[in-house]
Amino acid sequence: MRSPSTQQPGDRVAPITAFDRMGEENAFAVLARAGELAASGRDIINLGIGQPDFPTPANIVEAAVRALRDGQHGYTPAVGIAPLRHAVAEDLARRHGAAVNPENVMIVPGGKVTMFAAILMFGEPGVEILYPDPGFPIYRSMIEFTGATPVAVPIREDNAFAFSAEETLSLITPRTRLLIINSPANPCGGVTPRGEFDKLVAGLSQHPQVAVLSDEIYDQMTYDNAEHVSLLGYPDIRERLILLNGWSKTYAMTGWRLGYSVWPDTLFEAVRKLAVNCWSCVNAPAQFAALEALTGPQDTVSAMMQAFDERRRLVVDRLNDLDGVSCVTPMGAFYAFPNIRGTGWKSKALASALLEQAGVATIGGPDFGIHGEGYIRLSYANSLDNIERAIDRIDTFLRQ
């Protein structure tokens, strides 16, 4: 783009070139296309979008309604209301045994906001940011937006889609400023064991310039007694740890756009100023709903996870029966990431054909990174009946 001094009369308005570097989350494009096909009369089964198919629990909805009726219509503090920040700190302490100061908790409008803030804080030309690949696509998108160099940390099937501490540490250079960790992980469903976290934290002692963003949005979604390990439990890195979490997945609140983060003292004031400049505050009734989610009954969470576990077992069994397909059993989240190399298809081509021809929405592995080729992602946040029908259609399509 021309500099302002070289703009000529009649030139069209154009964004700065940084926006050209920004990617997208293709799951929303697939969701839109699936909606178009359904509107045209097609029977579409959506295993693409990553959101629970359960309604937000009634007690949480009622808390938001009650807040509105009680007059909670105005601005709140940029960092979030005090009762909610305290409830977040207490919940983390209860579940992870790690003391959290409520003054370090930031309430934000969705998990992506924490990614945006952390990557913007550390990303600039000349530095490197490490991120999981396959991984949530916004990691790389935002890294490239800042001008920083994205460095992929391979997440490998032969390691049960957990990260390798040794490989991760080997990728750190003097230019590395931020490391992004995600466990339980999207899109692969991997849960990294404690031993790898121990090795990672020990190795990071040699790299004091590296901050860590730990995306723990699926922290309560594990199976078969798999342990979620929170980096909050490692005092040695607390002064450079940013924790990302929220209510979207655990409490089926994706549309509420509500998350939280925990920041070290040295970074909190910067993110508070960003909040004031960018989103002002999170809407008031949603915060009271979030407070009820943390302090109210948790039985709906348990029931949802039991349902996801049953679906997980069905998905894995059915996928492993398909010709040319194999699937590692996911230990967390609600995604399967089957290997489709034996089918002879490229990932994005297969995902597109399954949607357009078989009426099943999935996401091609390369939408999650360069190491995603050879895989597709299926979300089992759908009914058992729909999952059966969807994999029947996939089976028929592959046989044809």
Protein backbone atom coordinates (compact mmCIF):
# COMPACT_ATOMS: atom_id res chain seq x y z
CA MET A 1 0.00 0.00 0.00
CA ARG A 2 1.20 3.52 -0.75
CA SER A 3 2.19 5.74 2.12
CA PRO A 4 -0.24 8.61 2.83
CA SER A 5 2.10 11.04 1.07
CA THR A 6 1.90 9.08 -2.17
CA GLN A 7 -1.85 8.57 -2.22
CA GLN A 8 -3.40 9.94 -5.38
CA PRO A 9 -6.89 11.39 -5.91
CA GLY A 10 -9.22 8.55 -6.80
CA ASP A 11 -7.19 5.86 -5.00
CA ARG A 12 -9.42 3.42 -3.17
CA VAL A 13 -9.33 3.17 0.59
CA ALA A 14 -7.37 0.05 1.63
CA PRO A 15 -6.34 -1.40 4.99
CA ILE A 16 -2.72 -1.47 6.07
CA THR A 17 -0.76 -4.48 4.85
CA ALA A 18 -0.82 -6.16 8.29
CA PHE A 19 -4.41 -7.12 7.58
CA ASP A 20 -3.28 -9.01 4.50
CA ARG A 21 -1.34 -11.31 6.82
CA MET A 22 -4.38 -12.16 8.92
CA GLY A 23 -5.90 -15.60 8.40
CA GLU A 24 -9.29 -17.02 9.32
CA GLU A 25 -10.94 -19.86 11.18
CA ASN A 26 -12.32 -22.03 8.41
CA ALA A 27 -14.77 -23.79 10.72
CA PHE A 28 -16.98 -20.72 10.42
CA ALA A 29 -16.81 -20.85 6.61
CA VAL A 30 -17.81 -24.51 6.72
CA LEU A 31 -20.63 -23.66 9.13
CA ALA A 32 -21.89 -20.99 6.73
CA ARG A 33 -21.73 -23.33 3.72
CA ALA A 34 -23.49 -26.09 5.66
CA GLY A 35 -26.20 -23.57 6.50
CA GLU A 36 -26.60 -22.61 2.84
CA LEU A 37 -26.96 -26.25 1.81
CA ALA A 38 -29.46 -26.91 4.58
CA ALA A 39 -31.47 -23.85 3.56
CA SER A 40 -31.64 -25.23 0.02
CA GLY A 41 -33.29 -28.39 1.34
CA ARG A 42 -30.24 -30.65 1.80
CA ASP A 43 -30.01 -32.87 4.89
CA ILE A 44 -26.68 -31.78 6.39
CA ILE A 45 -25.09 -33.35 9.47
CA ASN A 46 -22.64 -30.92 11.02
CA LEU A 47 -19.56 -32.48 12.59
CA GLY A 48 -17.52 -29.39 11.81
CA ILE A 49 -18.18 -26.66 14.33
CA GLY A 50 -16.55 -26.88 17.75
CA GLN A 51 -19.36 -26.13 20.15
CA PRO A 52 -21.42 -28.28 22.52
CA ASP A 53 -24.85 -29.16 21.18
CA PHE A 54 -26.33 -28.80 24.66
CA PRO A 55 -28.23 -25.70 25.83
CA THR A 56 -26.72 -23.45 28.46
CA PRO A 57 -27.97 -24.82 31.82
CA ALA A 58 -31.22 -23.20 32.97
CA ASN A 59 -29.81 -21.87 36.25
CA ILE A 60 -27.13 -19.95 34.33
CA VAL A 61 -29.66 -18.46 31.91
CA GLU A 62 -31.88 -17.46 34.81
CA ALA A 63 -28.96 -15.69 36.52
CA ALA A 64 -28.51 -13.49 33.45
CA VAL A 65 -32.23 -12.76 33.24
CA ARG A 66 -32.30 -11.92 36.93
CA ALA A 67 -29.36 -9.55 36.50
CA LEU A 68 -31.19 -7.73 33.73
CA ARG A 69 -34.34 -7.47 35.84
CA ASP A 70 -32.26 -6.18 38.75
CA GLY A 71 -30.97 -3.33 36.63
CA GLN A 72 -27.51 -4.59 35.65
CA HIS A 73 -27.56 -2.59 32.43
CA GLY A 74 -24.47 -0.40 32.67
CA TYR A 75 -20.72 -0.52 32.29
CA THR A 76 -18.69 -2.74 34.59
CA PRO A 77 -15.00 -2.43 35.46
CA ALA A 78 -12.75 -3.13 32.49
CA VAL A 79 -11.22 -6.09 34.33
CA GLY A 80 -14.59 -7.61 35.28
CA ILE A 81 -16.85 -7.49 38.32
CA ALA A 82 -15.12 -8.31 41.61
CA PRO A 83 -17.38 -11.24 42.66
CA LEU A 84 -16.67 -13.03 39.37
CA ARG A 85 -12.92 -12.46 39.56
CA HIS A 86 -12.93 -13.88 43.10
CA ALA A 87 -15.03 -16.87 41.96
CA VAL A 88 -12.57 -17.60 39.14
CA ALA A 89 -9.64 -17.52 41.57
CA GLU A 90 -11.45 -19.80 44.01
CA ASP A 91 -12.46 -22.24 41.28
CA LEU A 92 -8.88 -22.51 39.98
CA ALA A 93 -7.55 -22.98 43.51
CA ARG A 94 -10.12 -25.70 44.19
CA ARG A 95 -9.49 -27.62 40.97
CA HIS A 96 -5.74 -27.13 40.53
CA GLY A 97 -4.51 -26.48 44.06
CA ALA A 98 -2.83 -23.27 42.90
CA ALA A 99 -3.30 -19.95 44.67
CA VAL A 100 -4.54 -17.22 42.31
CA ASN A 101 -4.88 -13.59 43.28
CA PRO A 102 -8.24 -12.25 42.05
CA GLU A 103 -6.41 -9.03 41.19
CA ASN A 104 -4.61 -10.97 38.43
CA VAL A 105 -7.85 -12.24 36.84
CA MET A 106 -9.18 -10.51 33.73
CA ILE A 107 -12.73 -11.16 32.47
CA VAL A 108 -12.81 -10.94 28.67
CA PRO A 109 -15.38 -11.30 25.85
CA GLY A 110 -14.31 -14.75 24.66
CA GLY A 111 -11.18 -16.89 24.68
CA LYS A 112 -9.80 -15.40 21.48
CA VAL A 113 -9.40 -12.05 23.21
CA THR A 114 -6.73 -13.49 25.49
CA MET A 115 -4.89 -14.93 22.48
CA PHE A 116 -5.11 -11.58 20.72
CA ALA A 117 -3.83 -9.67 23.75
CA ALA A 118 -0.95 -12.03 24.53
CA ILE A 119 0.26 -12.36 20.94
CA LEU A 120 -0.07 -8.62 20.35
CA MET A 121 1.88 -8.00 23.55
CA PHE A 122 4.88 -10.09 22.46
CA GLY A 123 4.68 -10.19 18.68
CA GLU A 124 6.60 -7.82 16.44
CA PRO A 125 8.93 -8.13 13.43
CA GLY A 126 12.16 -9.89 14.29
CA VAL A 127 10.82 -12.12 17.07
CA GLU A 128 9.52 -15.67 17.02
CA ILE A 129 6.43 -17.17 18.62
CA LEU A 130 6.02 -20.93 19.01
CA TYR A 131 2.57 -22.45 18.56
CA PRO A 132 1.12 -25.99 18.29
CA ASP A 133 0.57 -27.41 14.80
CA PRO A 134 -2.01 -28.84 14.22
CA GLY A 135 -3.57 -26.26 16.49
CA PHE A 136 -6.23 -23.62 16.79
CA PRO A 137 -5.81 -21.55 13.58
CA ILE A 138 -6.05 -18.17 15.28
CA TYR A 139 -2.67 -18.73 16.93
CA ARG A 140 -0.78 -18.53 13.64
CA SER A 141 -3.10 -15.93 12.18
CA MET A 142 -2.48 -13.47 15.00
CA ILE A 143 1.27 -14.18 15.10
CA GLU A 144 1.53 -13.28 11.41
CA PHE A 145 -0.63 -10.20 11.93
CA THR A 146 1.90 -8.81 14.42
CA GLY A 147 4.78 -9.37 11.99
CA ALA A 148 6.40 -11.97 14.23
CA THR A 149 7.66 -15.24 12.77
CA PRO A 150 5.43 -18.24 13.56
CA VAL A 151 7.36 -21.37 14.52
CA ALA A 152 5.31 -24.56 14.43
CA VAL A 153 5.65 -27.07 17.28
CA PRO A 154 4.65 -30.37 15.64
CA ILE A 155 1.84 -32.25 17.39
CA ARG A 156 2.34 -35.82 16.27
CA GLU A 157 -0.02 -38.78 16.02
CA ASP A 158 2.72 -41.19 17.15
CA ASN A 159 2.89 -39.22 20.41
CA ALA A 160 -0.89 -39.53 20.97
CA PHE A 161 -1.17 -35.88 19.85
CA ALA A 162 0.57 -34.63 22.98
CA PHE A 163 3.38 -32.12 22.68
CA SER A 164 6.97 -33.26 23.17
CA ALA A 165 8.84 -31.13 25.70
CA GLU A 166 12.18 -32.05 24.14
CA GLU A 167 11.10 -31.06 20.64
CA THR A 168 9.42 -27.88 21.89
CA LEU A 169 12.51 -26.75 23.79
CA SER A 170 14.72 -27.50 20.78
CA LEU A 171 12.82 -24.91 18.74
CA ILE A 172 13.49 -22.02 21.16
CA THR A 173 16.05 -19.49 19.95
CA PRO A 174 17.25 -16.12 21.33
CA ARG A 175 14.48 -14.55 19.21
CA THR A 176 11.68 -16.55 20.88
CA ARG A 177 9.37 -14.35 22.94
CA LEU A 178 6.24 -16.46 23.47
CA LEU A 179 5.34 -20.15 23.62
CA ILE A 180 1.72 -21.24 23.19
CA ILE A 181 0.62 -24.50 24.84
CA ASN A 182 -2.80 -26.17 24.46
CA SER A 183 -3.83 -29.27 26.44
CA PRO A 184 -6.41 -30.78 26.15
CA ALA A 185 -5.99 -29.81 22.54
CA ASN A 186 -8.00 -28.67 19.56
CA PRO A 187 -8.14 -30.20 16.93
CA CYS A 188 -6.51 -33.48 17.92
CA GLY A 189 -7.97 -34.19 21.36
CA GLY A 190 -4.53 -34.90 22.81
CA VAL A 191 -3.82 -34.55 26.53
CA THR A 192 -0.16 -34.04 27.41
CA PRO A 193 1.00 -36.05 30.45
CA ARG A 194 2.54 -34.45 33.53
CA GLY A 195 6.02 -35.76 32.76
CA GLU A 196 6.20 -33.65 29.62
CA PHE A 197 5.09 -30.56 31.53
CA ASP A 198 7.77 -31.22 34.14
CA LYS A 199 10.45 -31.43 31.42
CA LEU A 200 9.13 -28.33 29.68
CA VAL A 201 9.14 -26.17 32.79
CA ALA A 202 12.60 -27.39 33.77
CA GLY A 203 13.91 -26.57 30.31
CA LEU A 204 12.31 -23.12 30.28
CA SER A 205 14.59 -22.15 33.15
CA GLN A 206 17.27 -21.78 30.47
CA HIS A 207 15.09 -19.35 28.50
CA PRO A 208 13.94 -16.63 30.90
CA GLN A 209 12.95 -14.32 28.03
CA VAL A 210 10.13 -16.66 26.90
CA ALA A 211 6.58 -16.01 28.14
CA VAL A 212 4.02 -18.84 28.06
CA LEU A 213 0.38 -18.69 26.98
CA SER A 214 -1.40 -21.80 28.28
CA ASP A 215 -4.73 -22.35 26.53
CA GLU A 216 -6.70 -24.50 28.98
CA ILE A 217 -10.21 -23.88 27.62
CA TYR A 218 -10.89 -27.68 27.59
CA ASP A 219 -9.48 -28.26 31.08
CA GLN A 220 -12.56 -30.09 32.38
CA MET A 221 -12.99 -32.21 29.25
CA THR A 222 -10.85 -35.31 29.74
CA TYR A 223 -11.63 -39.04 29.54
CA ASP A 224 -10.43 -42.39 30.90
CA ASN A 225 -8.94 -40.72 33.98
CA ALA A 226 -6.56 -38.64 31.87
CA GLU A 227 -5.12 -35.84 33.99
CA HIS A 228 -5.37 -32.23 32.95
CA VAL A 229 -2.14 -30.55 34.04
CA SER A 230 -2.41 -26.80 34.56
CA LEU A 231 0.72 -24.68 34.28
CA LEU A 232 -0.63 -22.75 37.25
CA GLY A 233 0.82 -25.56 39.33
CA TYR A 234 4.42 -24.63 38.45
CA PRO A 235 5.60 -21.70 40.61
CA ASP A 236 8.84 -21.34 38.64
CA ILE A 237 7.04 -19.89 35.61
CA ARG A 238 4.13 -18.06 37.23
CA GLU A 239 5.79 -14.67 36.70
CA ARG A 240 5.66 -15.22 32.92
CA LEU A 241 2.54 -17.37 32.57
CA ILE A 242 -0.69 -16.22 30.93
CA LEU A 243 -3.60 -18.62 31.48
CA LEU A 244 -6.51 -18.73 29.01
CA ASN A 245 -9.82 -20.26 30.03
CA GLY A 246 -13.54 -19.55 29.99
CA TRP A 247 -17.07 -20.82 30.02
CA SER A 248 -17.77 -21.59 26.34
CA LYS A 249 -17.02 -25.30 26.28
CA THR A 250 -17.55 -26.49 29.86
CA TYR A 251 -20.91 -24.75 30.32
CA ALA A 252 -22.14 -24.75 26.70
CA MET A 253 -21.89 -20.96 26.52
CA THR A 254 -20.16 -20.39 23.17
CA GLY A 255 -22.61 -17.69 22.09
CA TRP A 256 -22.28 -15.75 25.33
CA ARG A 257 -18.73 -14.69 24.31
CA LEU A 258 -17.23 -14.91 27.74
CA GLY A 259 -13.78 -15.92 28.94
CA TYR A 260 -11.16 -15.19 31.54
CA SER A 261 -7.40 -15.04 31.82
CA VAL A 262 -4.85 -14.92 34.61
CA TRP A 263 -1.86 -12.60 34.14
CA PRO A 264 1.35 -12.04 36.09
CA ASP A 265 1.74 -8.73 37.91
CA THR A 266 4.17 -7.39 35.31
CA LEU A 267 1.70 -7.81 32.44
CA PHE A 268 -1.67 -7.13 34.01
CA GLU A 269 -1.62 -3.36 33.67
CA ALA A 270 -0.86 -3.66 29.96
CA VAL A 271 -3.84 -5.92 29.30
CA ARG A 272 -6.07 -3.70 31.46
CA LYS A 273 -5.16 -0.73 29.26
CA LEU A 274 -5.87 -2.79 26.16
CA ALA A 275 -9.32 -3.59 27.55
CA VAL A 276 -10.04 0.09 28.13
CA ASN A 277 -8.95 0.93 24.60
CA CYS A 278 -10.62 -1.99 22.84
CA TRP A 279 -13.69 -3.59 24.43
CA SER A 280 -14.29 -1.39 27.51
CA CYS A 281 -15.79 -4.24 29.53
CA VAL A 282 -17.74 -7.48 29.27
CA ASN A 283 -21.50 -7.09 29.30
CA ALA A 284 -22.94 -7.14 32.81
CA PRO A 285 -25.62 -9.88 32.68
CA ALA A 286 -23.20 -12.35 31.07
CA GLN A 287 -20.84 -11.88 34.02
CA PHE A 288 -23.58 -12.69 36.50
CA ALA A 289 -24.38 -15.79 34.43
CA ALA A 290 -20.72 -16.78 34.60
CA LEU A 291 -20.74 -16.31 38.36
CA GLU A 292 -23.68 -18.70 38.66
CA ALA A 293 -21.90 -21.19 36.40
CA LEU A 294 -18.91 -21.37 38.76
CA THR A 295 -20.78 -21.27 42.06
CA GLY A 296 -23.97 -23.17 41.18
CA PRO A 297 -24.62 -26.91 40.64
CA GLN A 298 -22.12 -28.74 38.42
CA ASP A 299 -24.28 -31.76 37.58
CA THR A 300 -24.95 -30.59 34.03
CA VAL A 301 -21.21 -30.53 33.34
CA SER A 302 -20.89 -34.15 34.46
CA ALA A 303 -23.90 -35.19 32.39
CA MET A 304 -22.54 -33.47 29.28
CA MET A 305 -19.17 -35.17 29.68
CA GLN A 306 -20.80 -38.58 30.06
CA ALA A 307 -22.63 -37.98 26.80
CA PHE A 308 -19.43 -36.84 25.06
CA ASP A 309 -17.61 -39.94 26.30
CA GLU A 310 -20.26 -42.24 24.82
CA ARG A 311 -20.08 -40.38 21.52
CA ARG A 312 -16.28 -40.46 21.57
CA ARG A 313 -16.24 -44.23 21.83
CA LEU A 314 -18.74 -44.56 19.00
CA VAL A 315 -16.81 -42.18 16.73
CA VAL A 316 -13.50 -43.93 17.26
CA ASP A 317 -14.95 -47.41 16.73
CA ARG A 318 -16.79 -46.40 13.57
CA LEU A 319 -13.89 -44.45 12.08
CA ASN A 320 -11.47 -47.31 12.60
CA ASP A 321 -13.83 -49.58 10.65
CA LEU A 322 -13.64 -47.36 7.55
CA ASP A 323 -11.39 -48.38 4.67
CA GLY A 324 -8.24 -46.27 4.59
CA VAL A 325 -9.00 -44.51 7.89
CA SER A 326 -7.45 -44.88 11.33
CA CYS A 327 -8.19 -42.87 14.44
CA VAL A 328 -6.24 -42.42 17.67
CA THR A 329 -8.57 -42.32 20.68
CA PRO A 330 -8.83 -38.68 21.82
CA MET A 331 -8.29 -38.18 25.53
CA GLY A 332 -9.75 -34.68 25.79
CA ALA A 333 -12.02 -32.04 24.24
CA PHE A 334 -14.72 -33.29 21.83
CA TYR A 335 -12.85 -33.84 18.58
CA ALA A 336 -11.57 -36.85 16.67
CA PHE A 337 -8.68 -36.33 14.26
CA PRO A 338 -8.62 -39.41 12.03
CA ASN A 339 -5.77 -40.21 9.66
CA ILE A 340 -7.25 -40.44 6.15
CA ARG A 341 -4.04 -41.01 4.15
CA GLY A 342 -5.10 -44.54 3.27
CA THR A 343 -8.10 -43.22 1.35
CA GLY A 344 -5.91 -41.54 -1.27
CA TRP A 345 -7.59 -38.19 -0.68
CA LYS A 346 -6.03 -34.88 0.30
CA SER A 347 -7.59 -33.57 3.48
CA LYS A 348 -9.31 -30.39 2.33
CA ALA A 349 -10.55 -32.04 -0.86
CA LEU A 350 -12.10 -34.85 1.14
CA ALA A 351 -13.70 -32.48 3.64
CA SER A 352 -15.19 -30.45 0.79
CA ALA A 353 -16.48 -33.54 -1.02
CA LEU A 354 -18.02 -34.95 2.15
CA LEU A 355 -19.96 -31.74 2.66
CA GLU A 356 -21.04 -31.14 -0.92
CA GLN A 357 -21.73 -34.75 -1.93
CA ALA A 358 -22.36 -36.70 1.28
CA GLY A 359 -23.93 -33.95 3.38
CA VAL A 360 -21.43 -34.25 6.26
CA ALA A 361 -19.56 -31.19 7.49
CA THR A 362 -16.00 -31.81 8.70
CA ILE A 363 -12.84 -29.68 8.71
CA GLY A 364 -9.72 -30.46 6.68
CA GLY A 365 -6.58 -30.93 8.74
CA PRO A 366 -4.54 -28.23 6.95
CA ASP A 367 -6.98 -25.63 8.31
CA PHE A 368 -5.19 -26.29 11.61
CA GLY A 369 -1.66 -26.08 10.26
CA ILE A 370 0.88 -27.50 7.86
CA HIS A 371 1.14 -30.72 9.87
CA GLY A 372 -2.60 -31.31 9.50
CA GLU A 373 -2.38 -32.74 5.98
CA GLY A 374 -3.55 -36.34 5.99
CA TYR A 375 -6.22 -35.74 8.64
CA ILE A 376 -9.70 -34.33 9.03
CA ARG A 377 -11.37 -33.10 12.20
CA LEU A 378 -14.76 -34.37 13.34
CA SER A 379 -16.56 -32.80 16.26
CA TYR A 380 -18.63 -35.32 18.17
CA ALA A 381 -20.71 -32.54 19.70
CA ASN A 382 -23.75 -34.03 18.01
CA SER A 383 -26.26 -36.75 18.81
CA LEU A 384 -25.41 -40.45 18.67
CA ASP A 385 -27.99 -40.89 15.93
CA ASN A 386 -26.50 -38.11 13.82
CA ILE A 387 -22.99 -39.45 14.35
CA GLU A 388 -24.10 -42.92 13.18
CA ARG A 389 -25.79 -41.43 10.12
CA ALA A 390 -22.81 -39.23 9.33
CA ILE A 391 -20.27 -42.05 9.43
CA ASP A 392 -22.61 -44.26 7.41
CA ARG A 393 -22.54 -41.55 4.76
CA ILE A 394 -18.76 -41.25 4.95
CA ASP A 395 -18.45 -45.03 4.57
CA THR A 396 -20.73 -45.05 1.54
CA PHE A 397 -18.85 -42.13 -0.03
CA LEU A 398 -15.42 -43.74 0.44
CA ARG A 399 -16.64 -47.04 -0.97
CA GLN A 400 -17.92 -45.28 -4.08
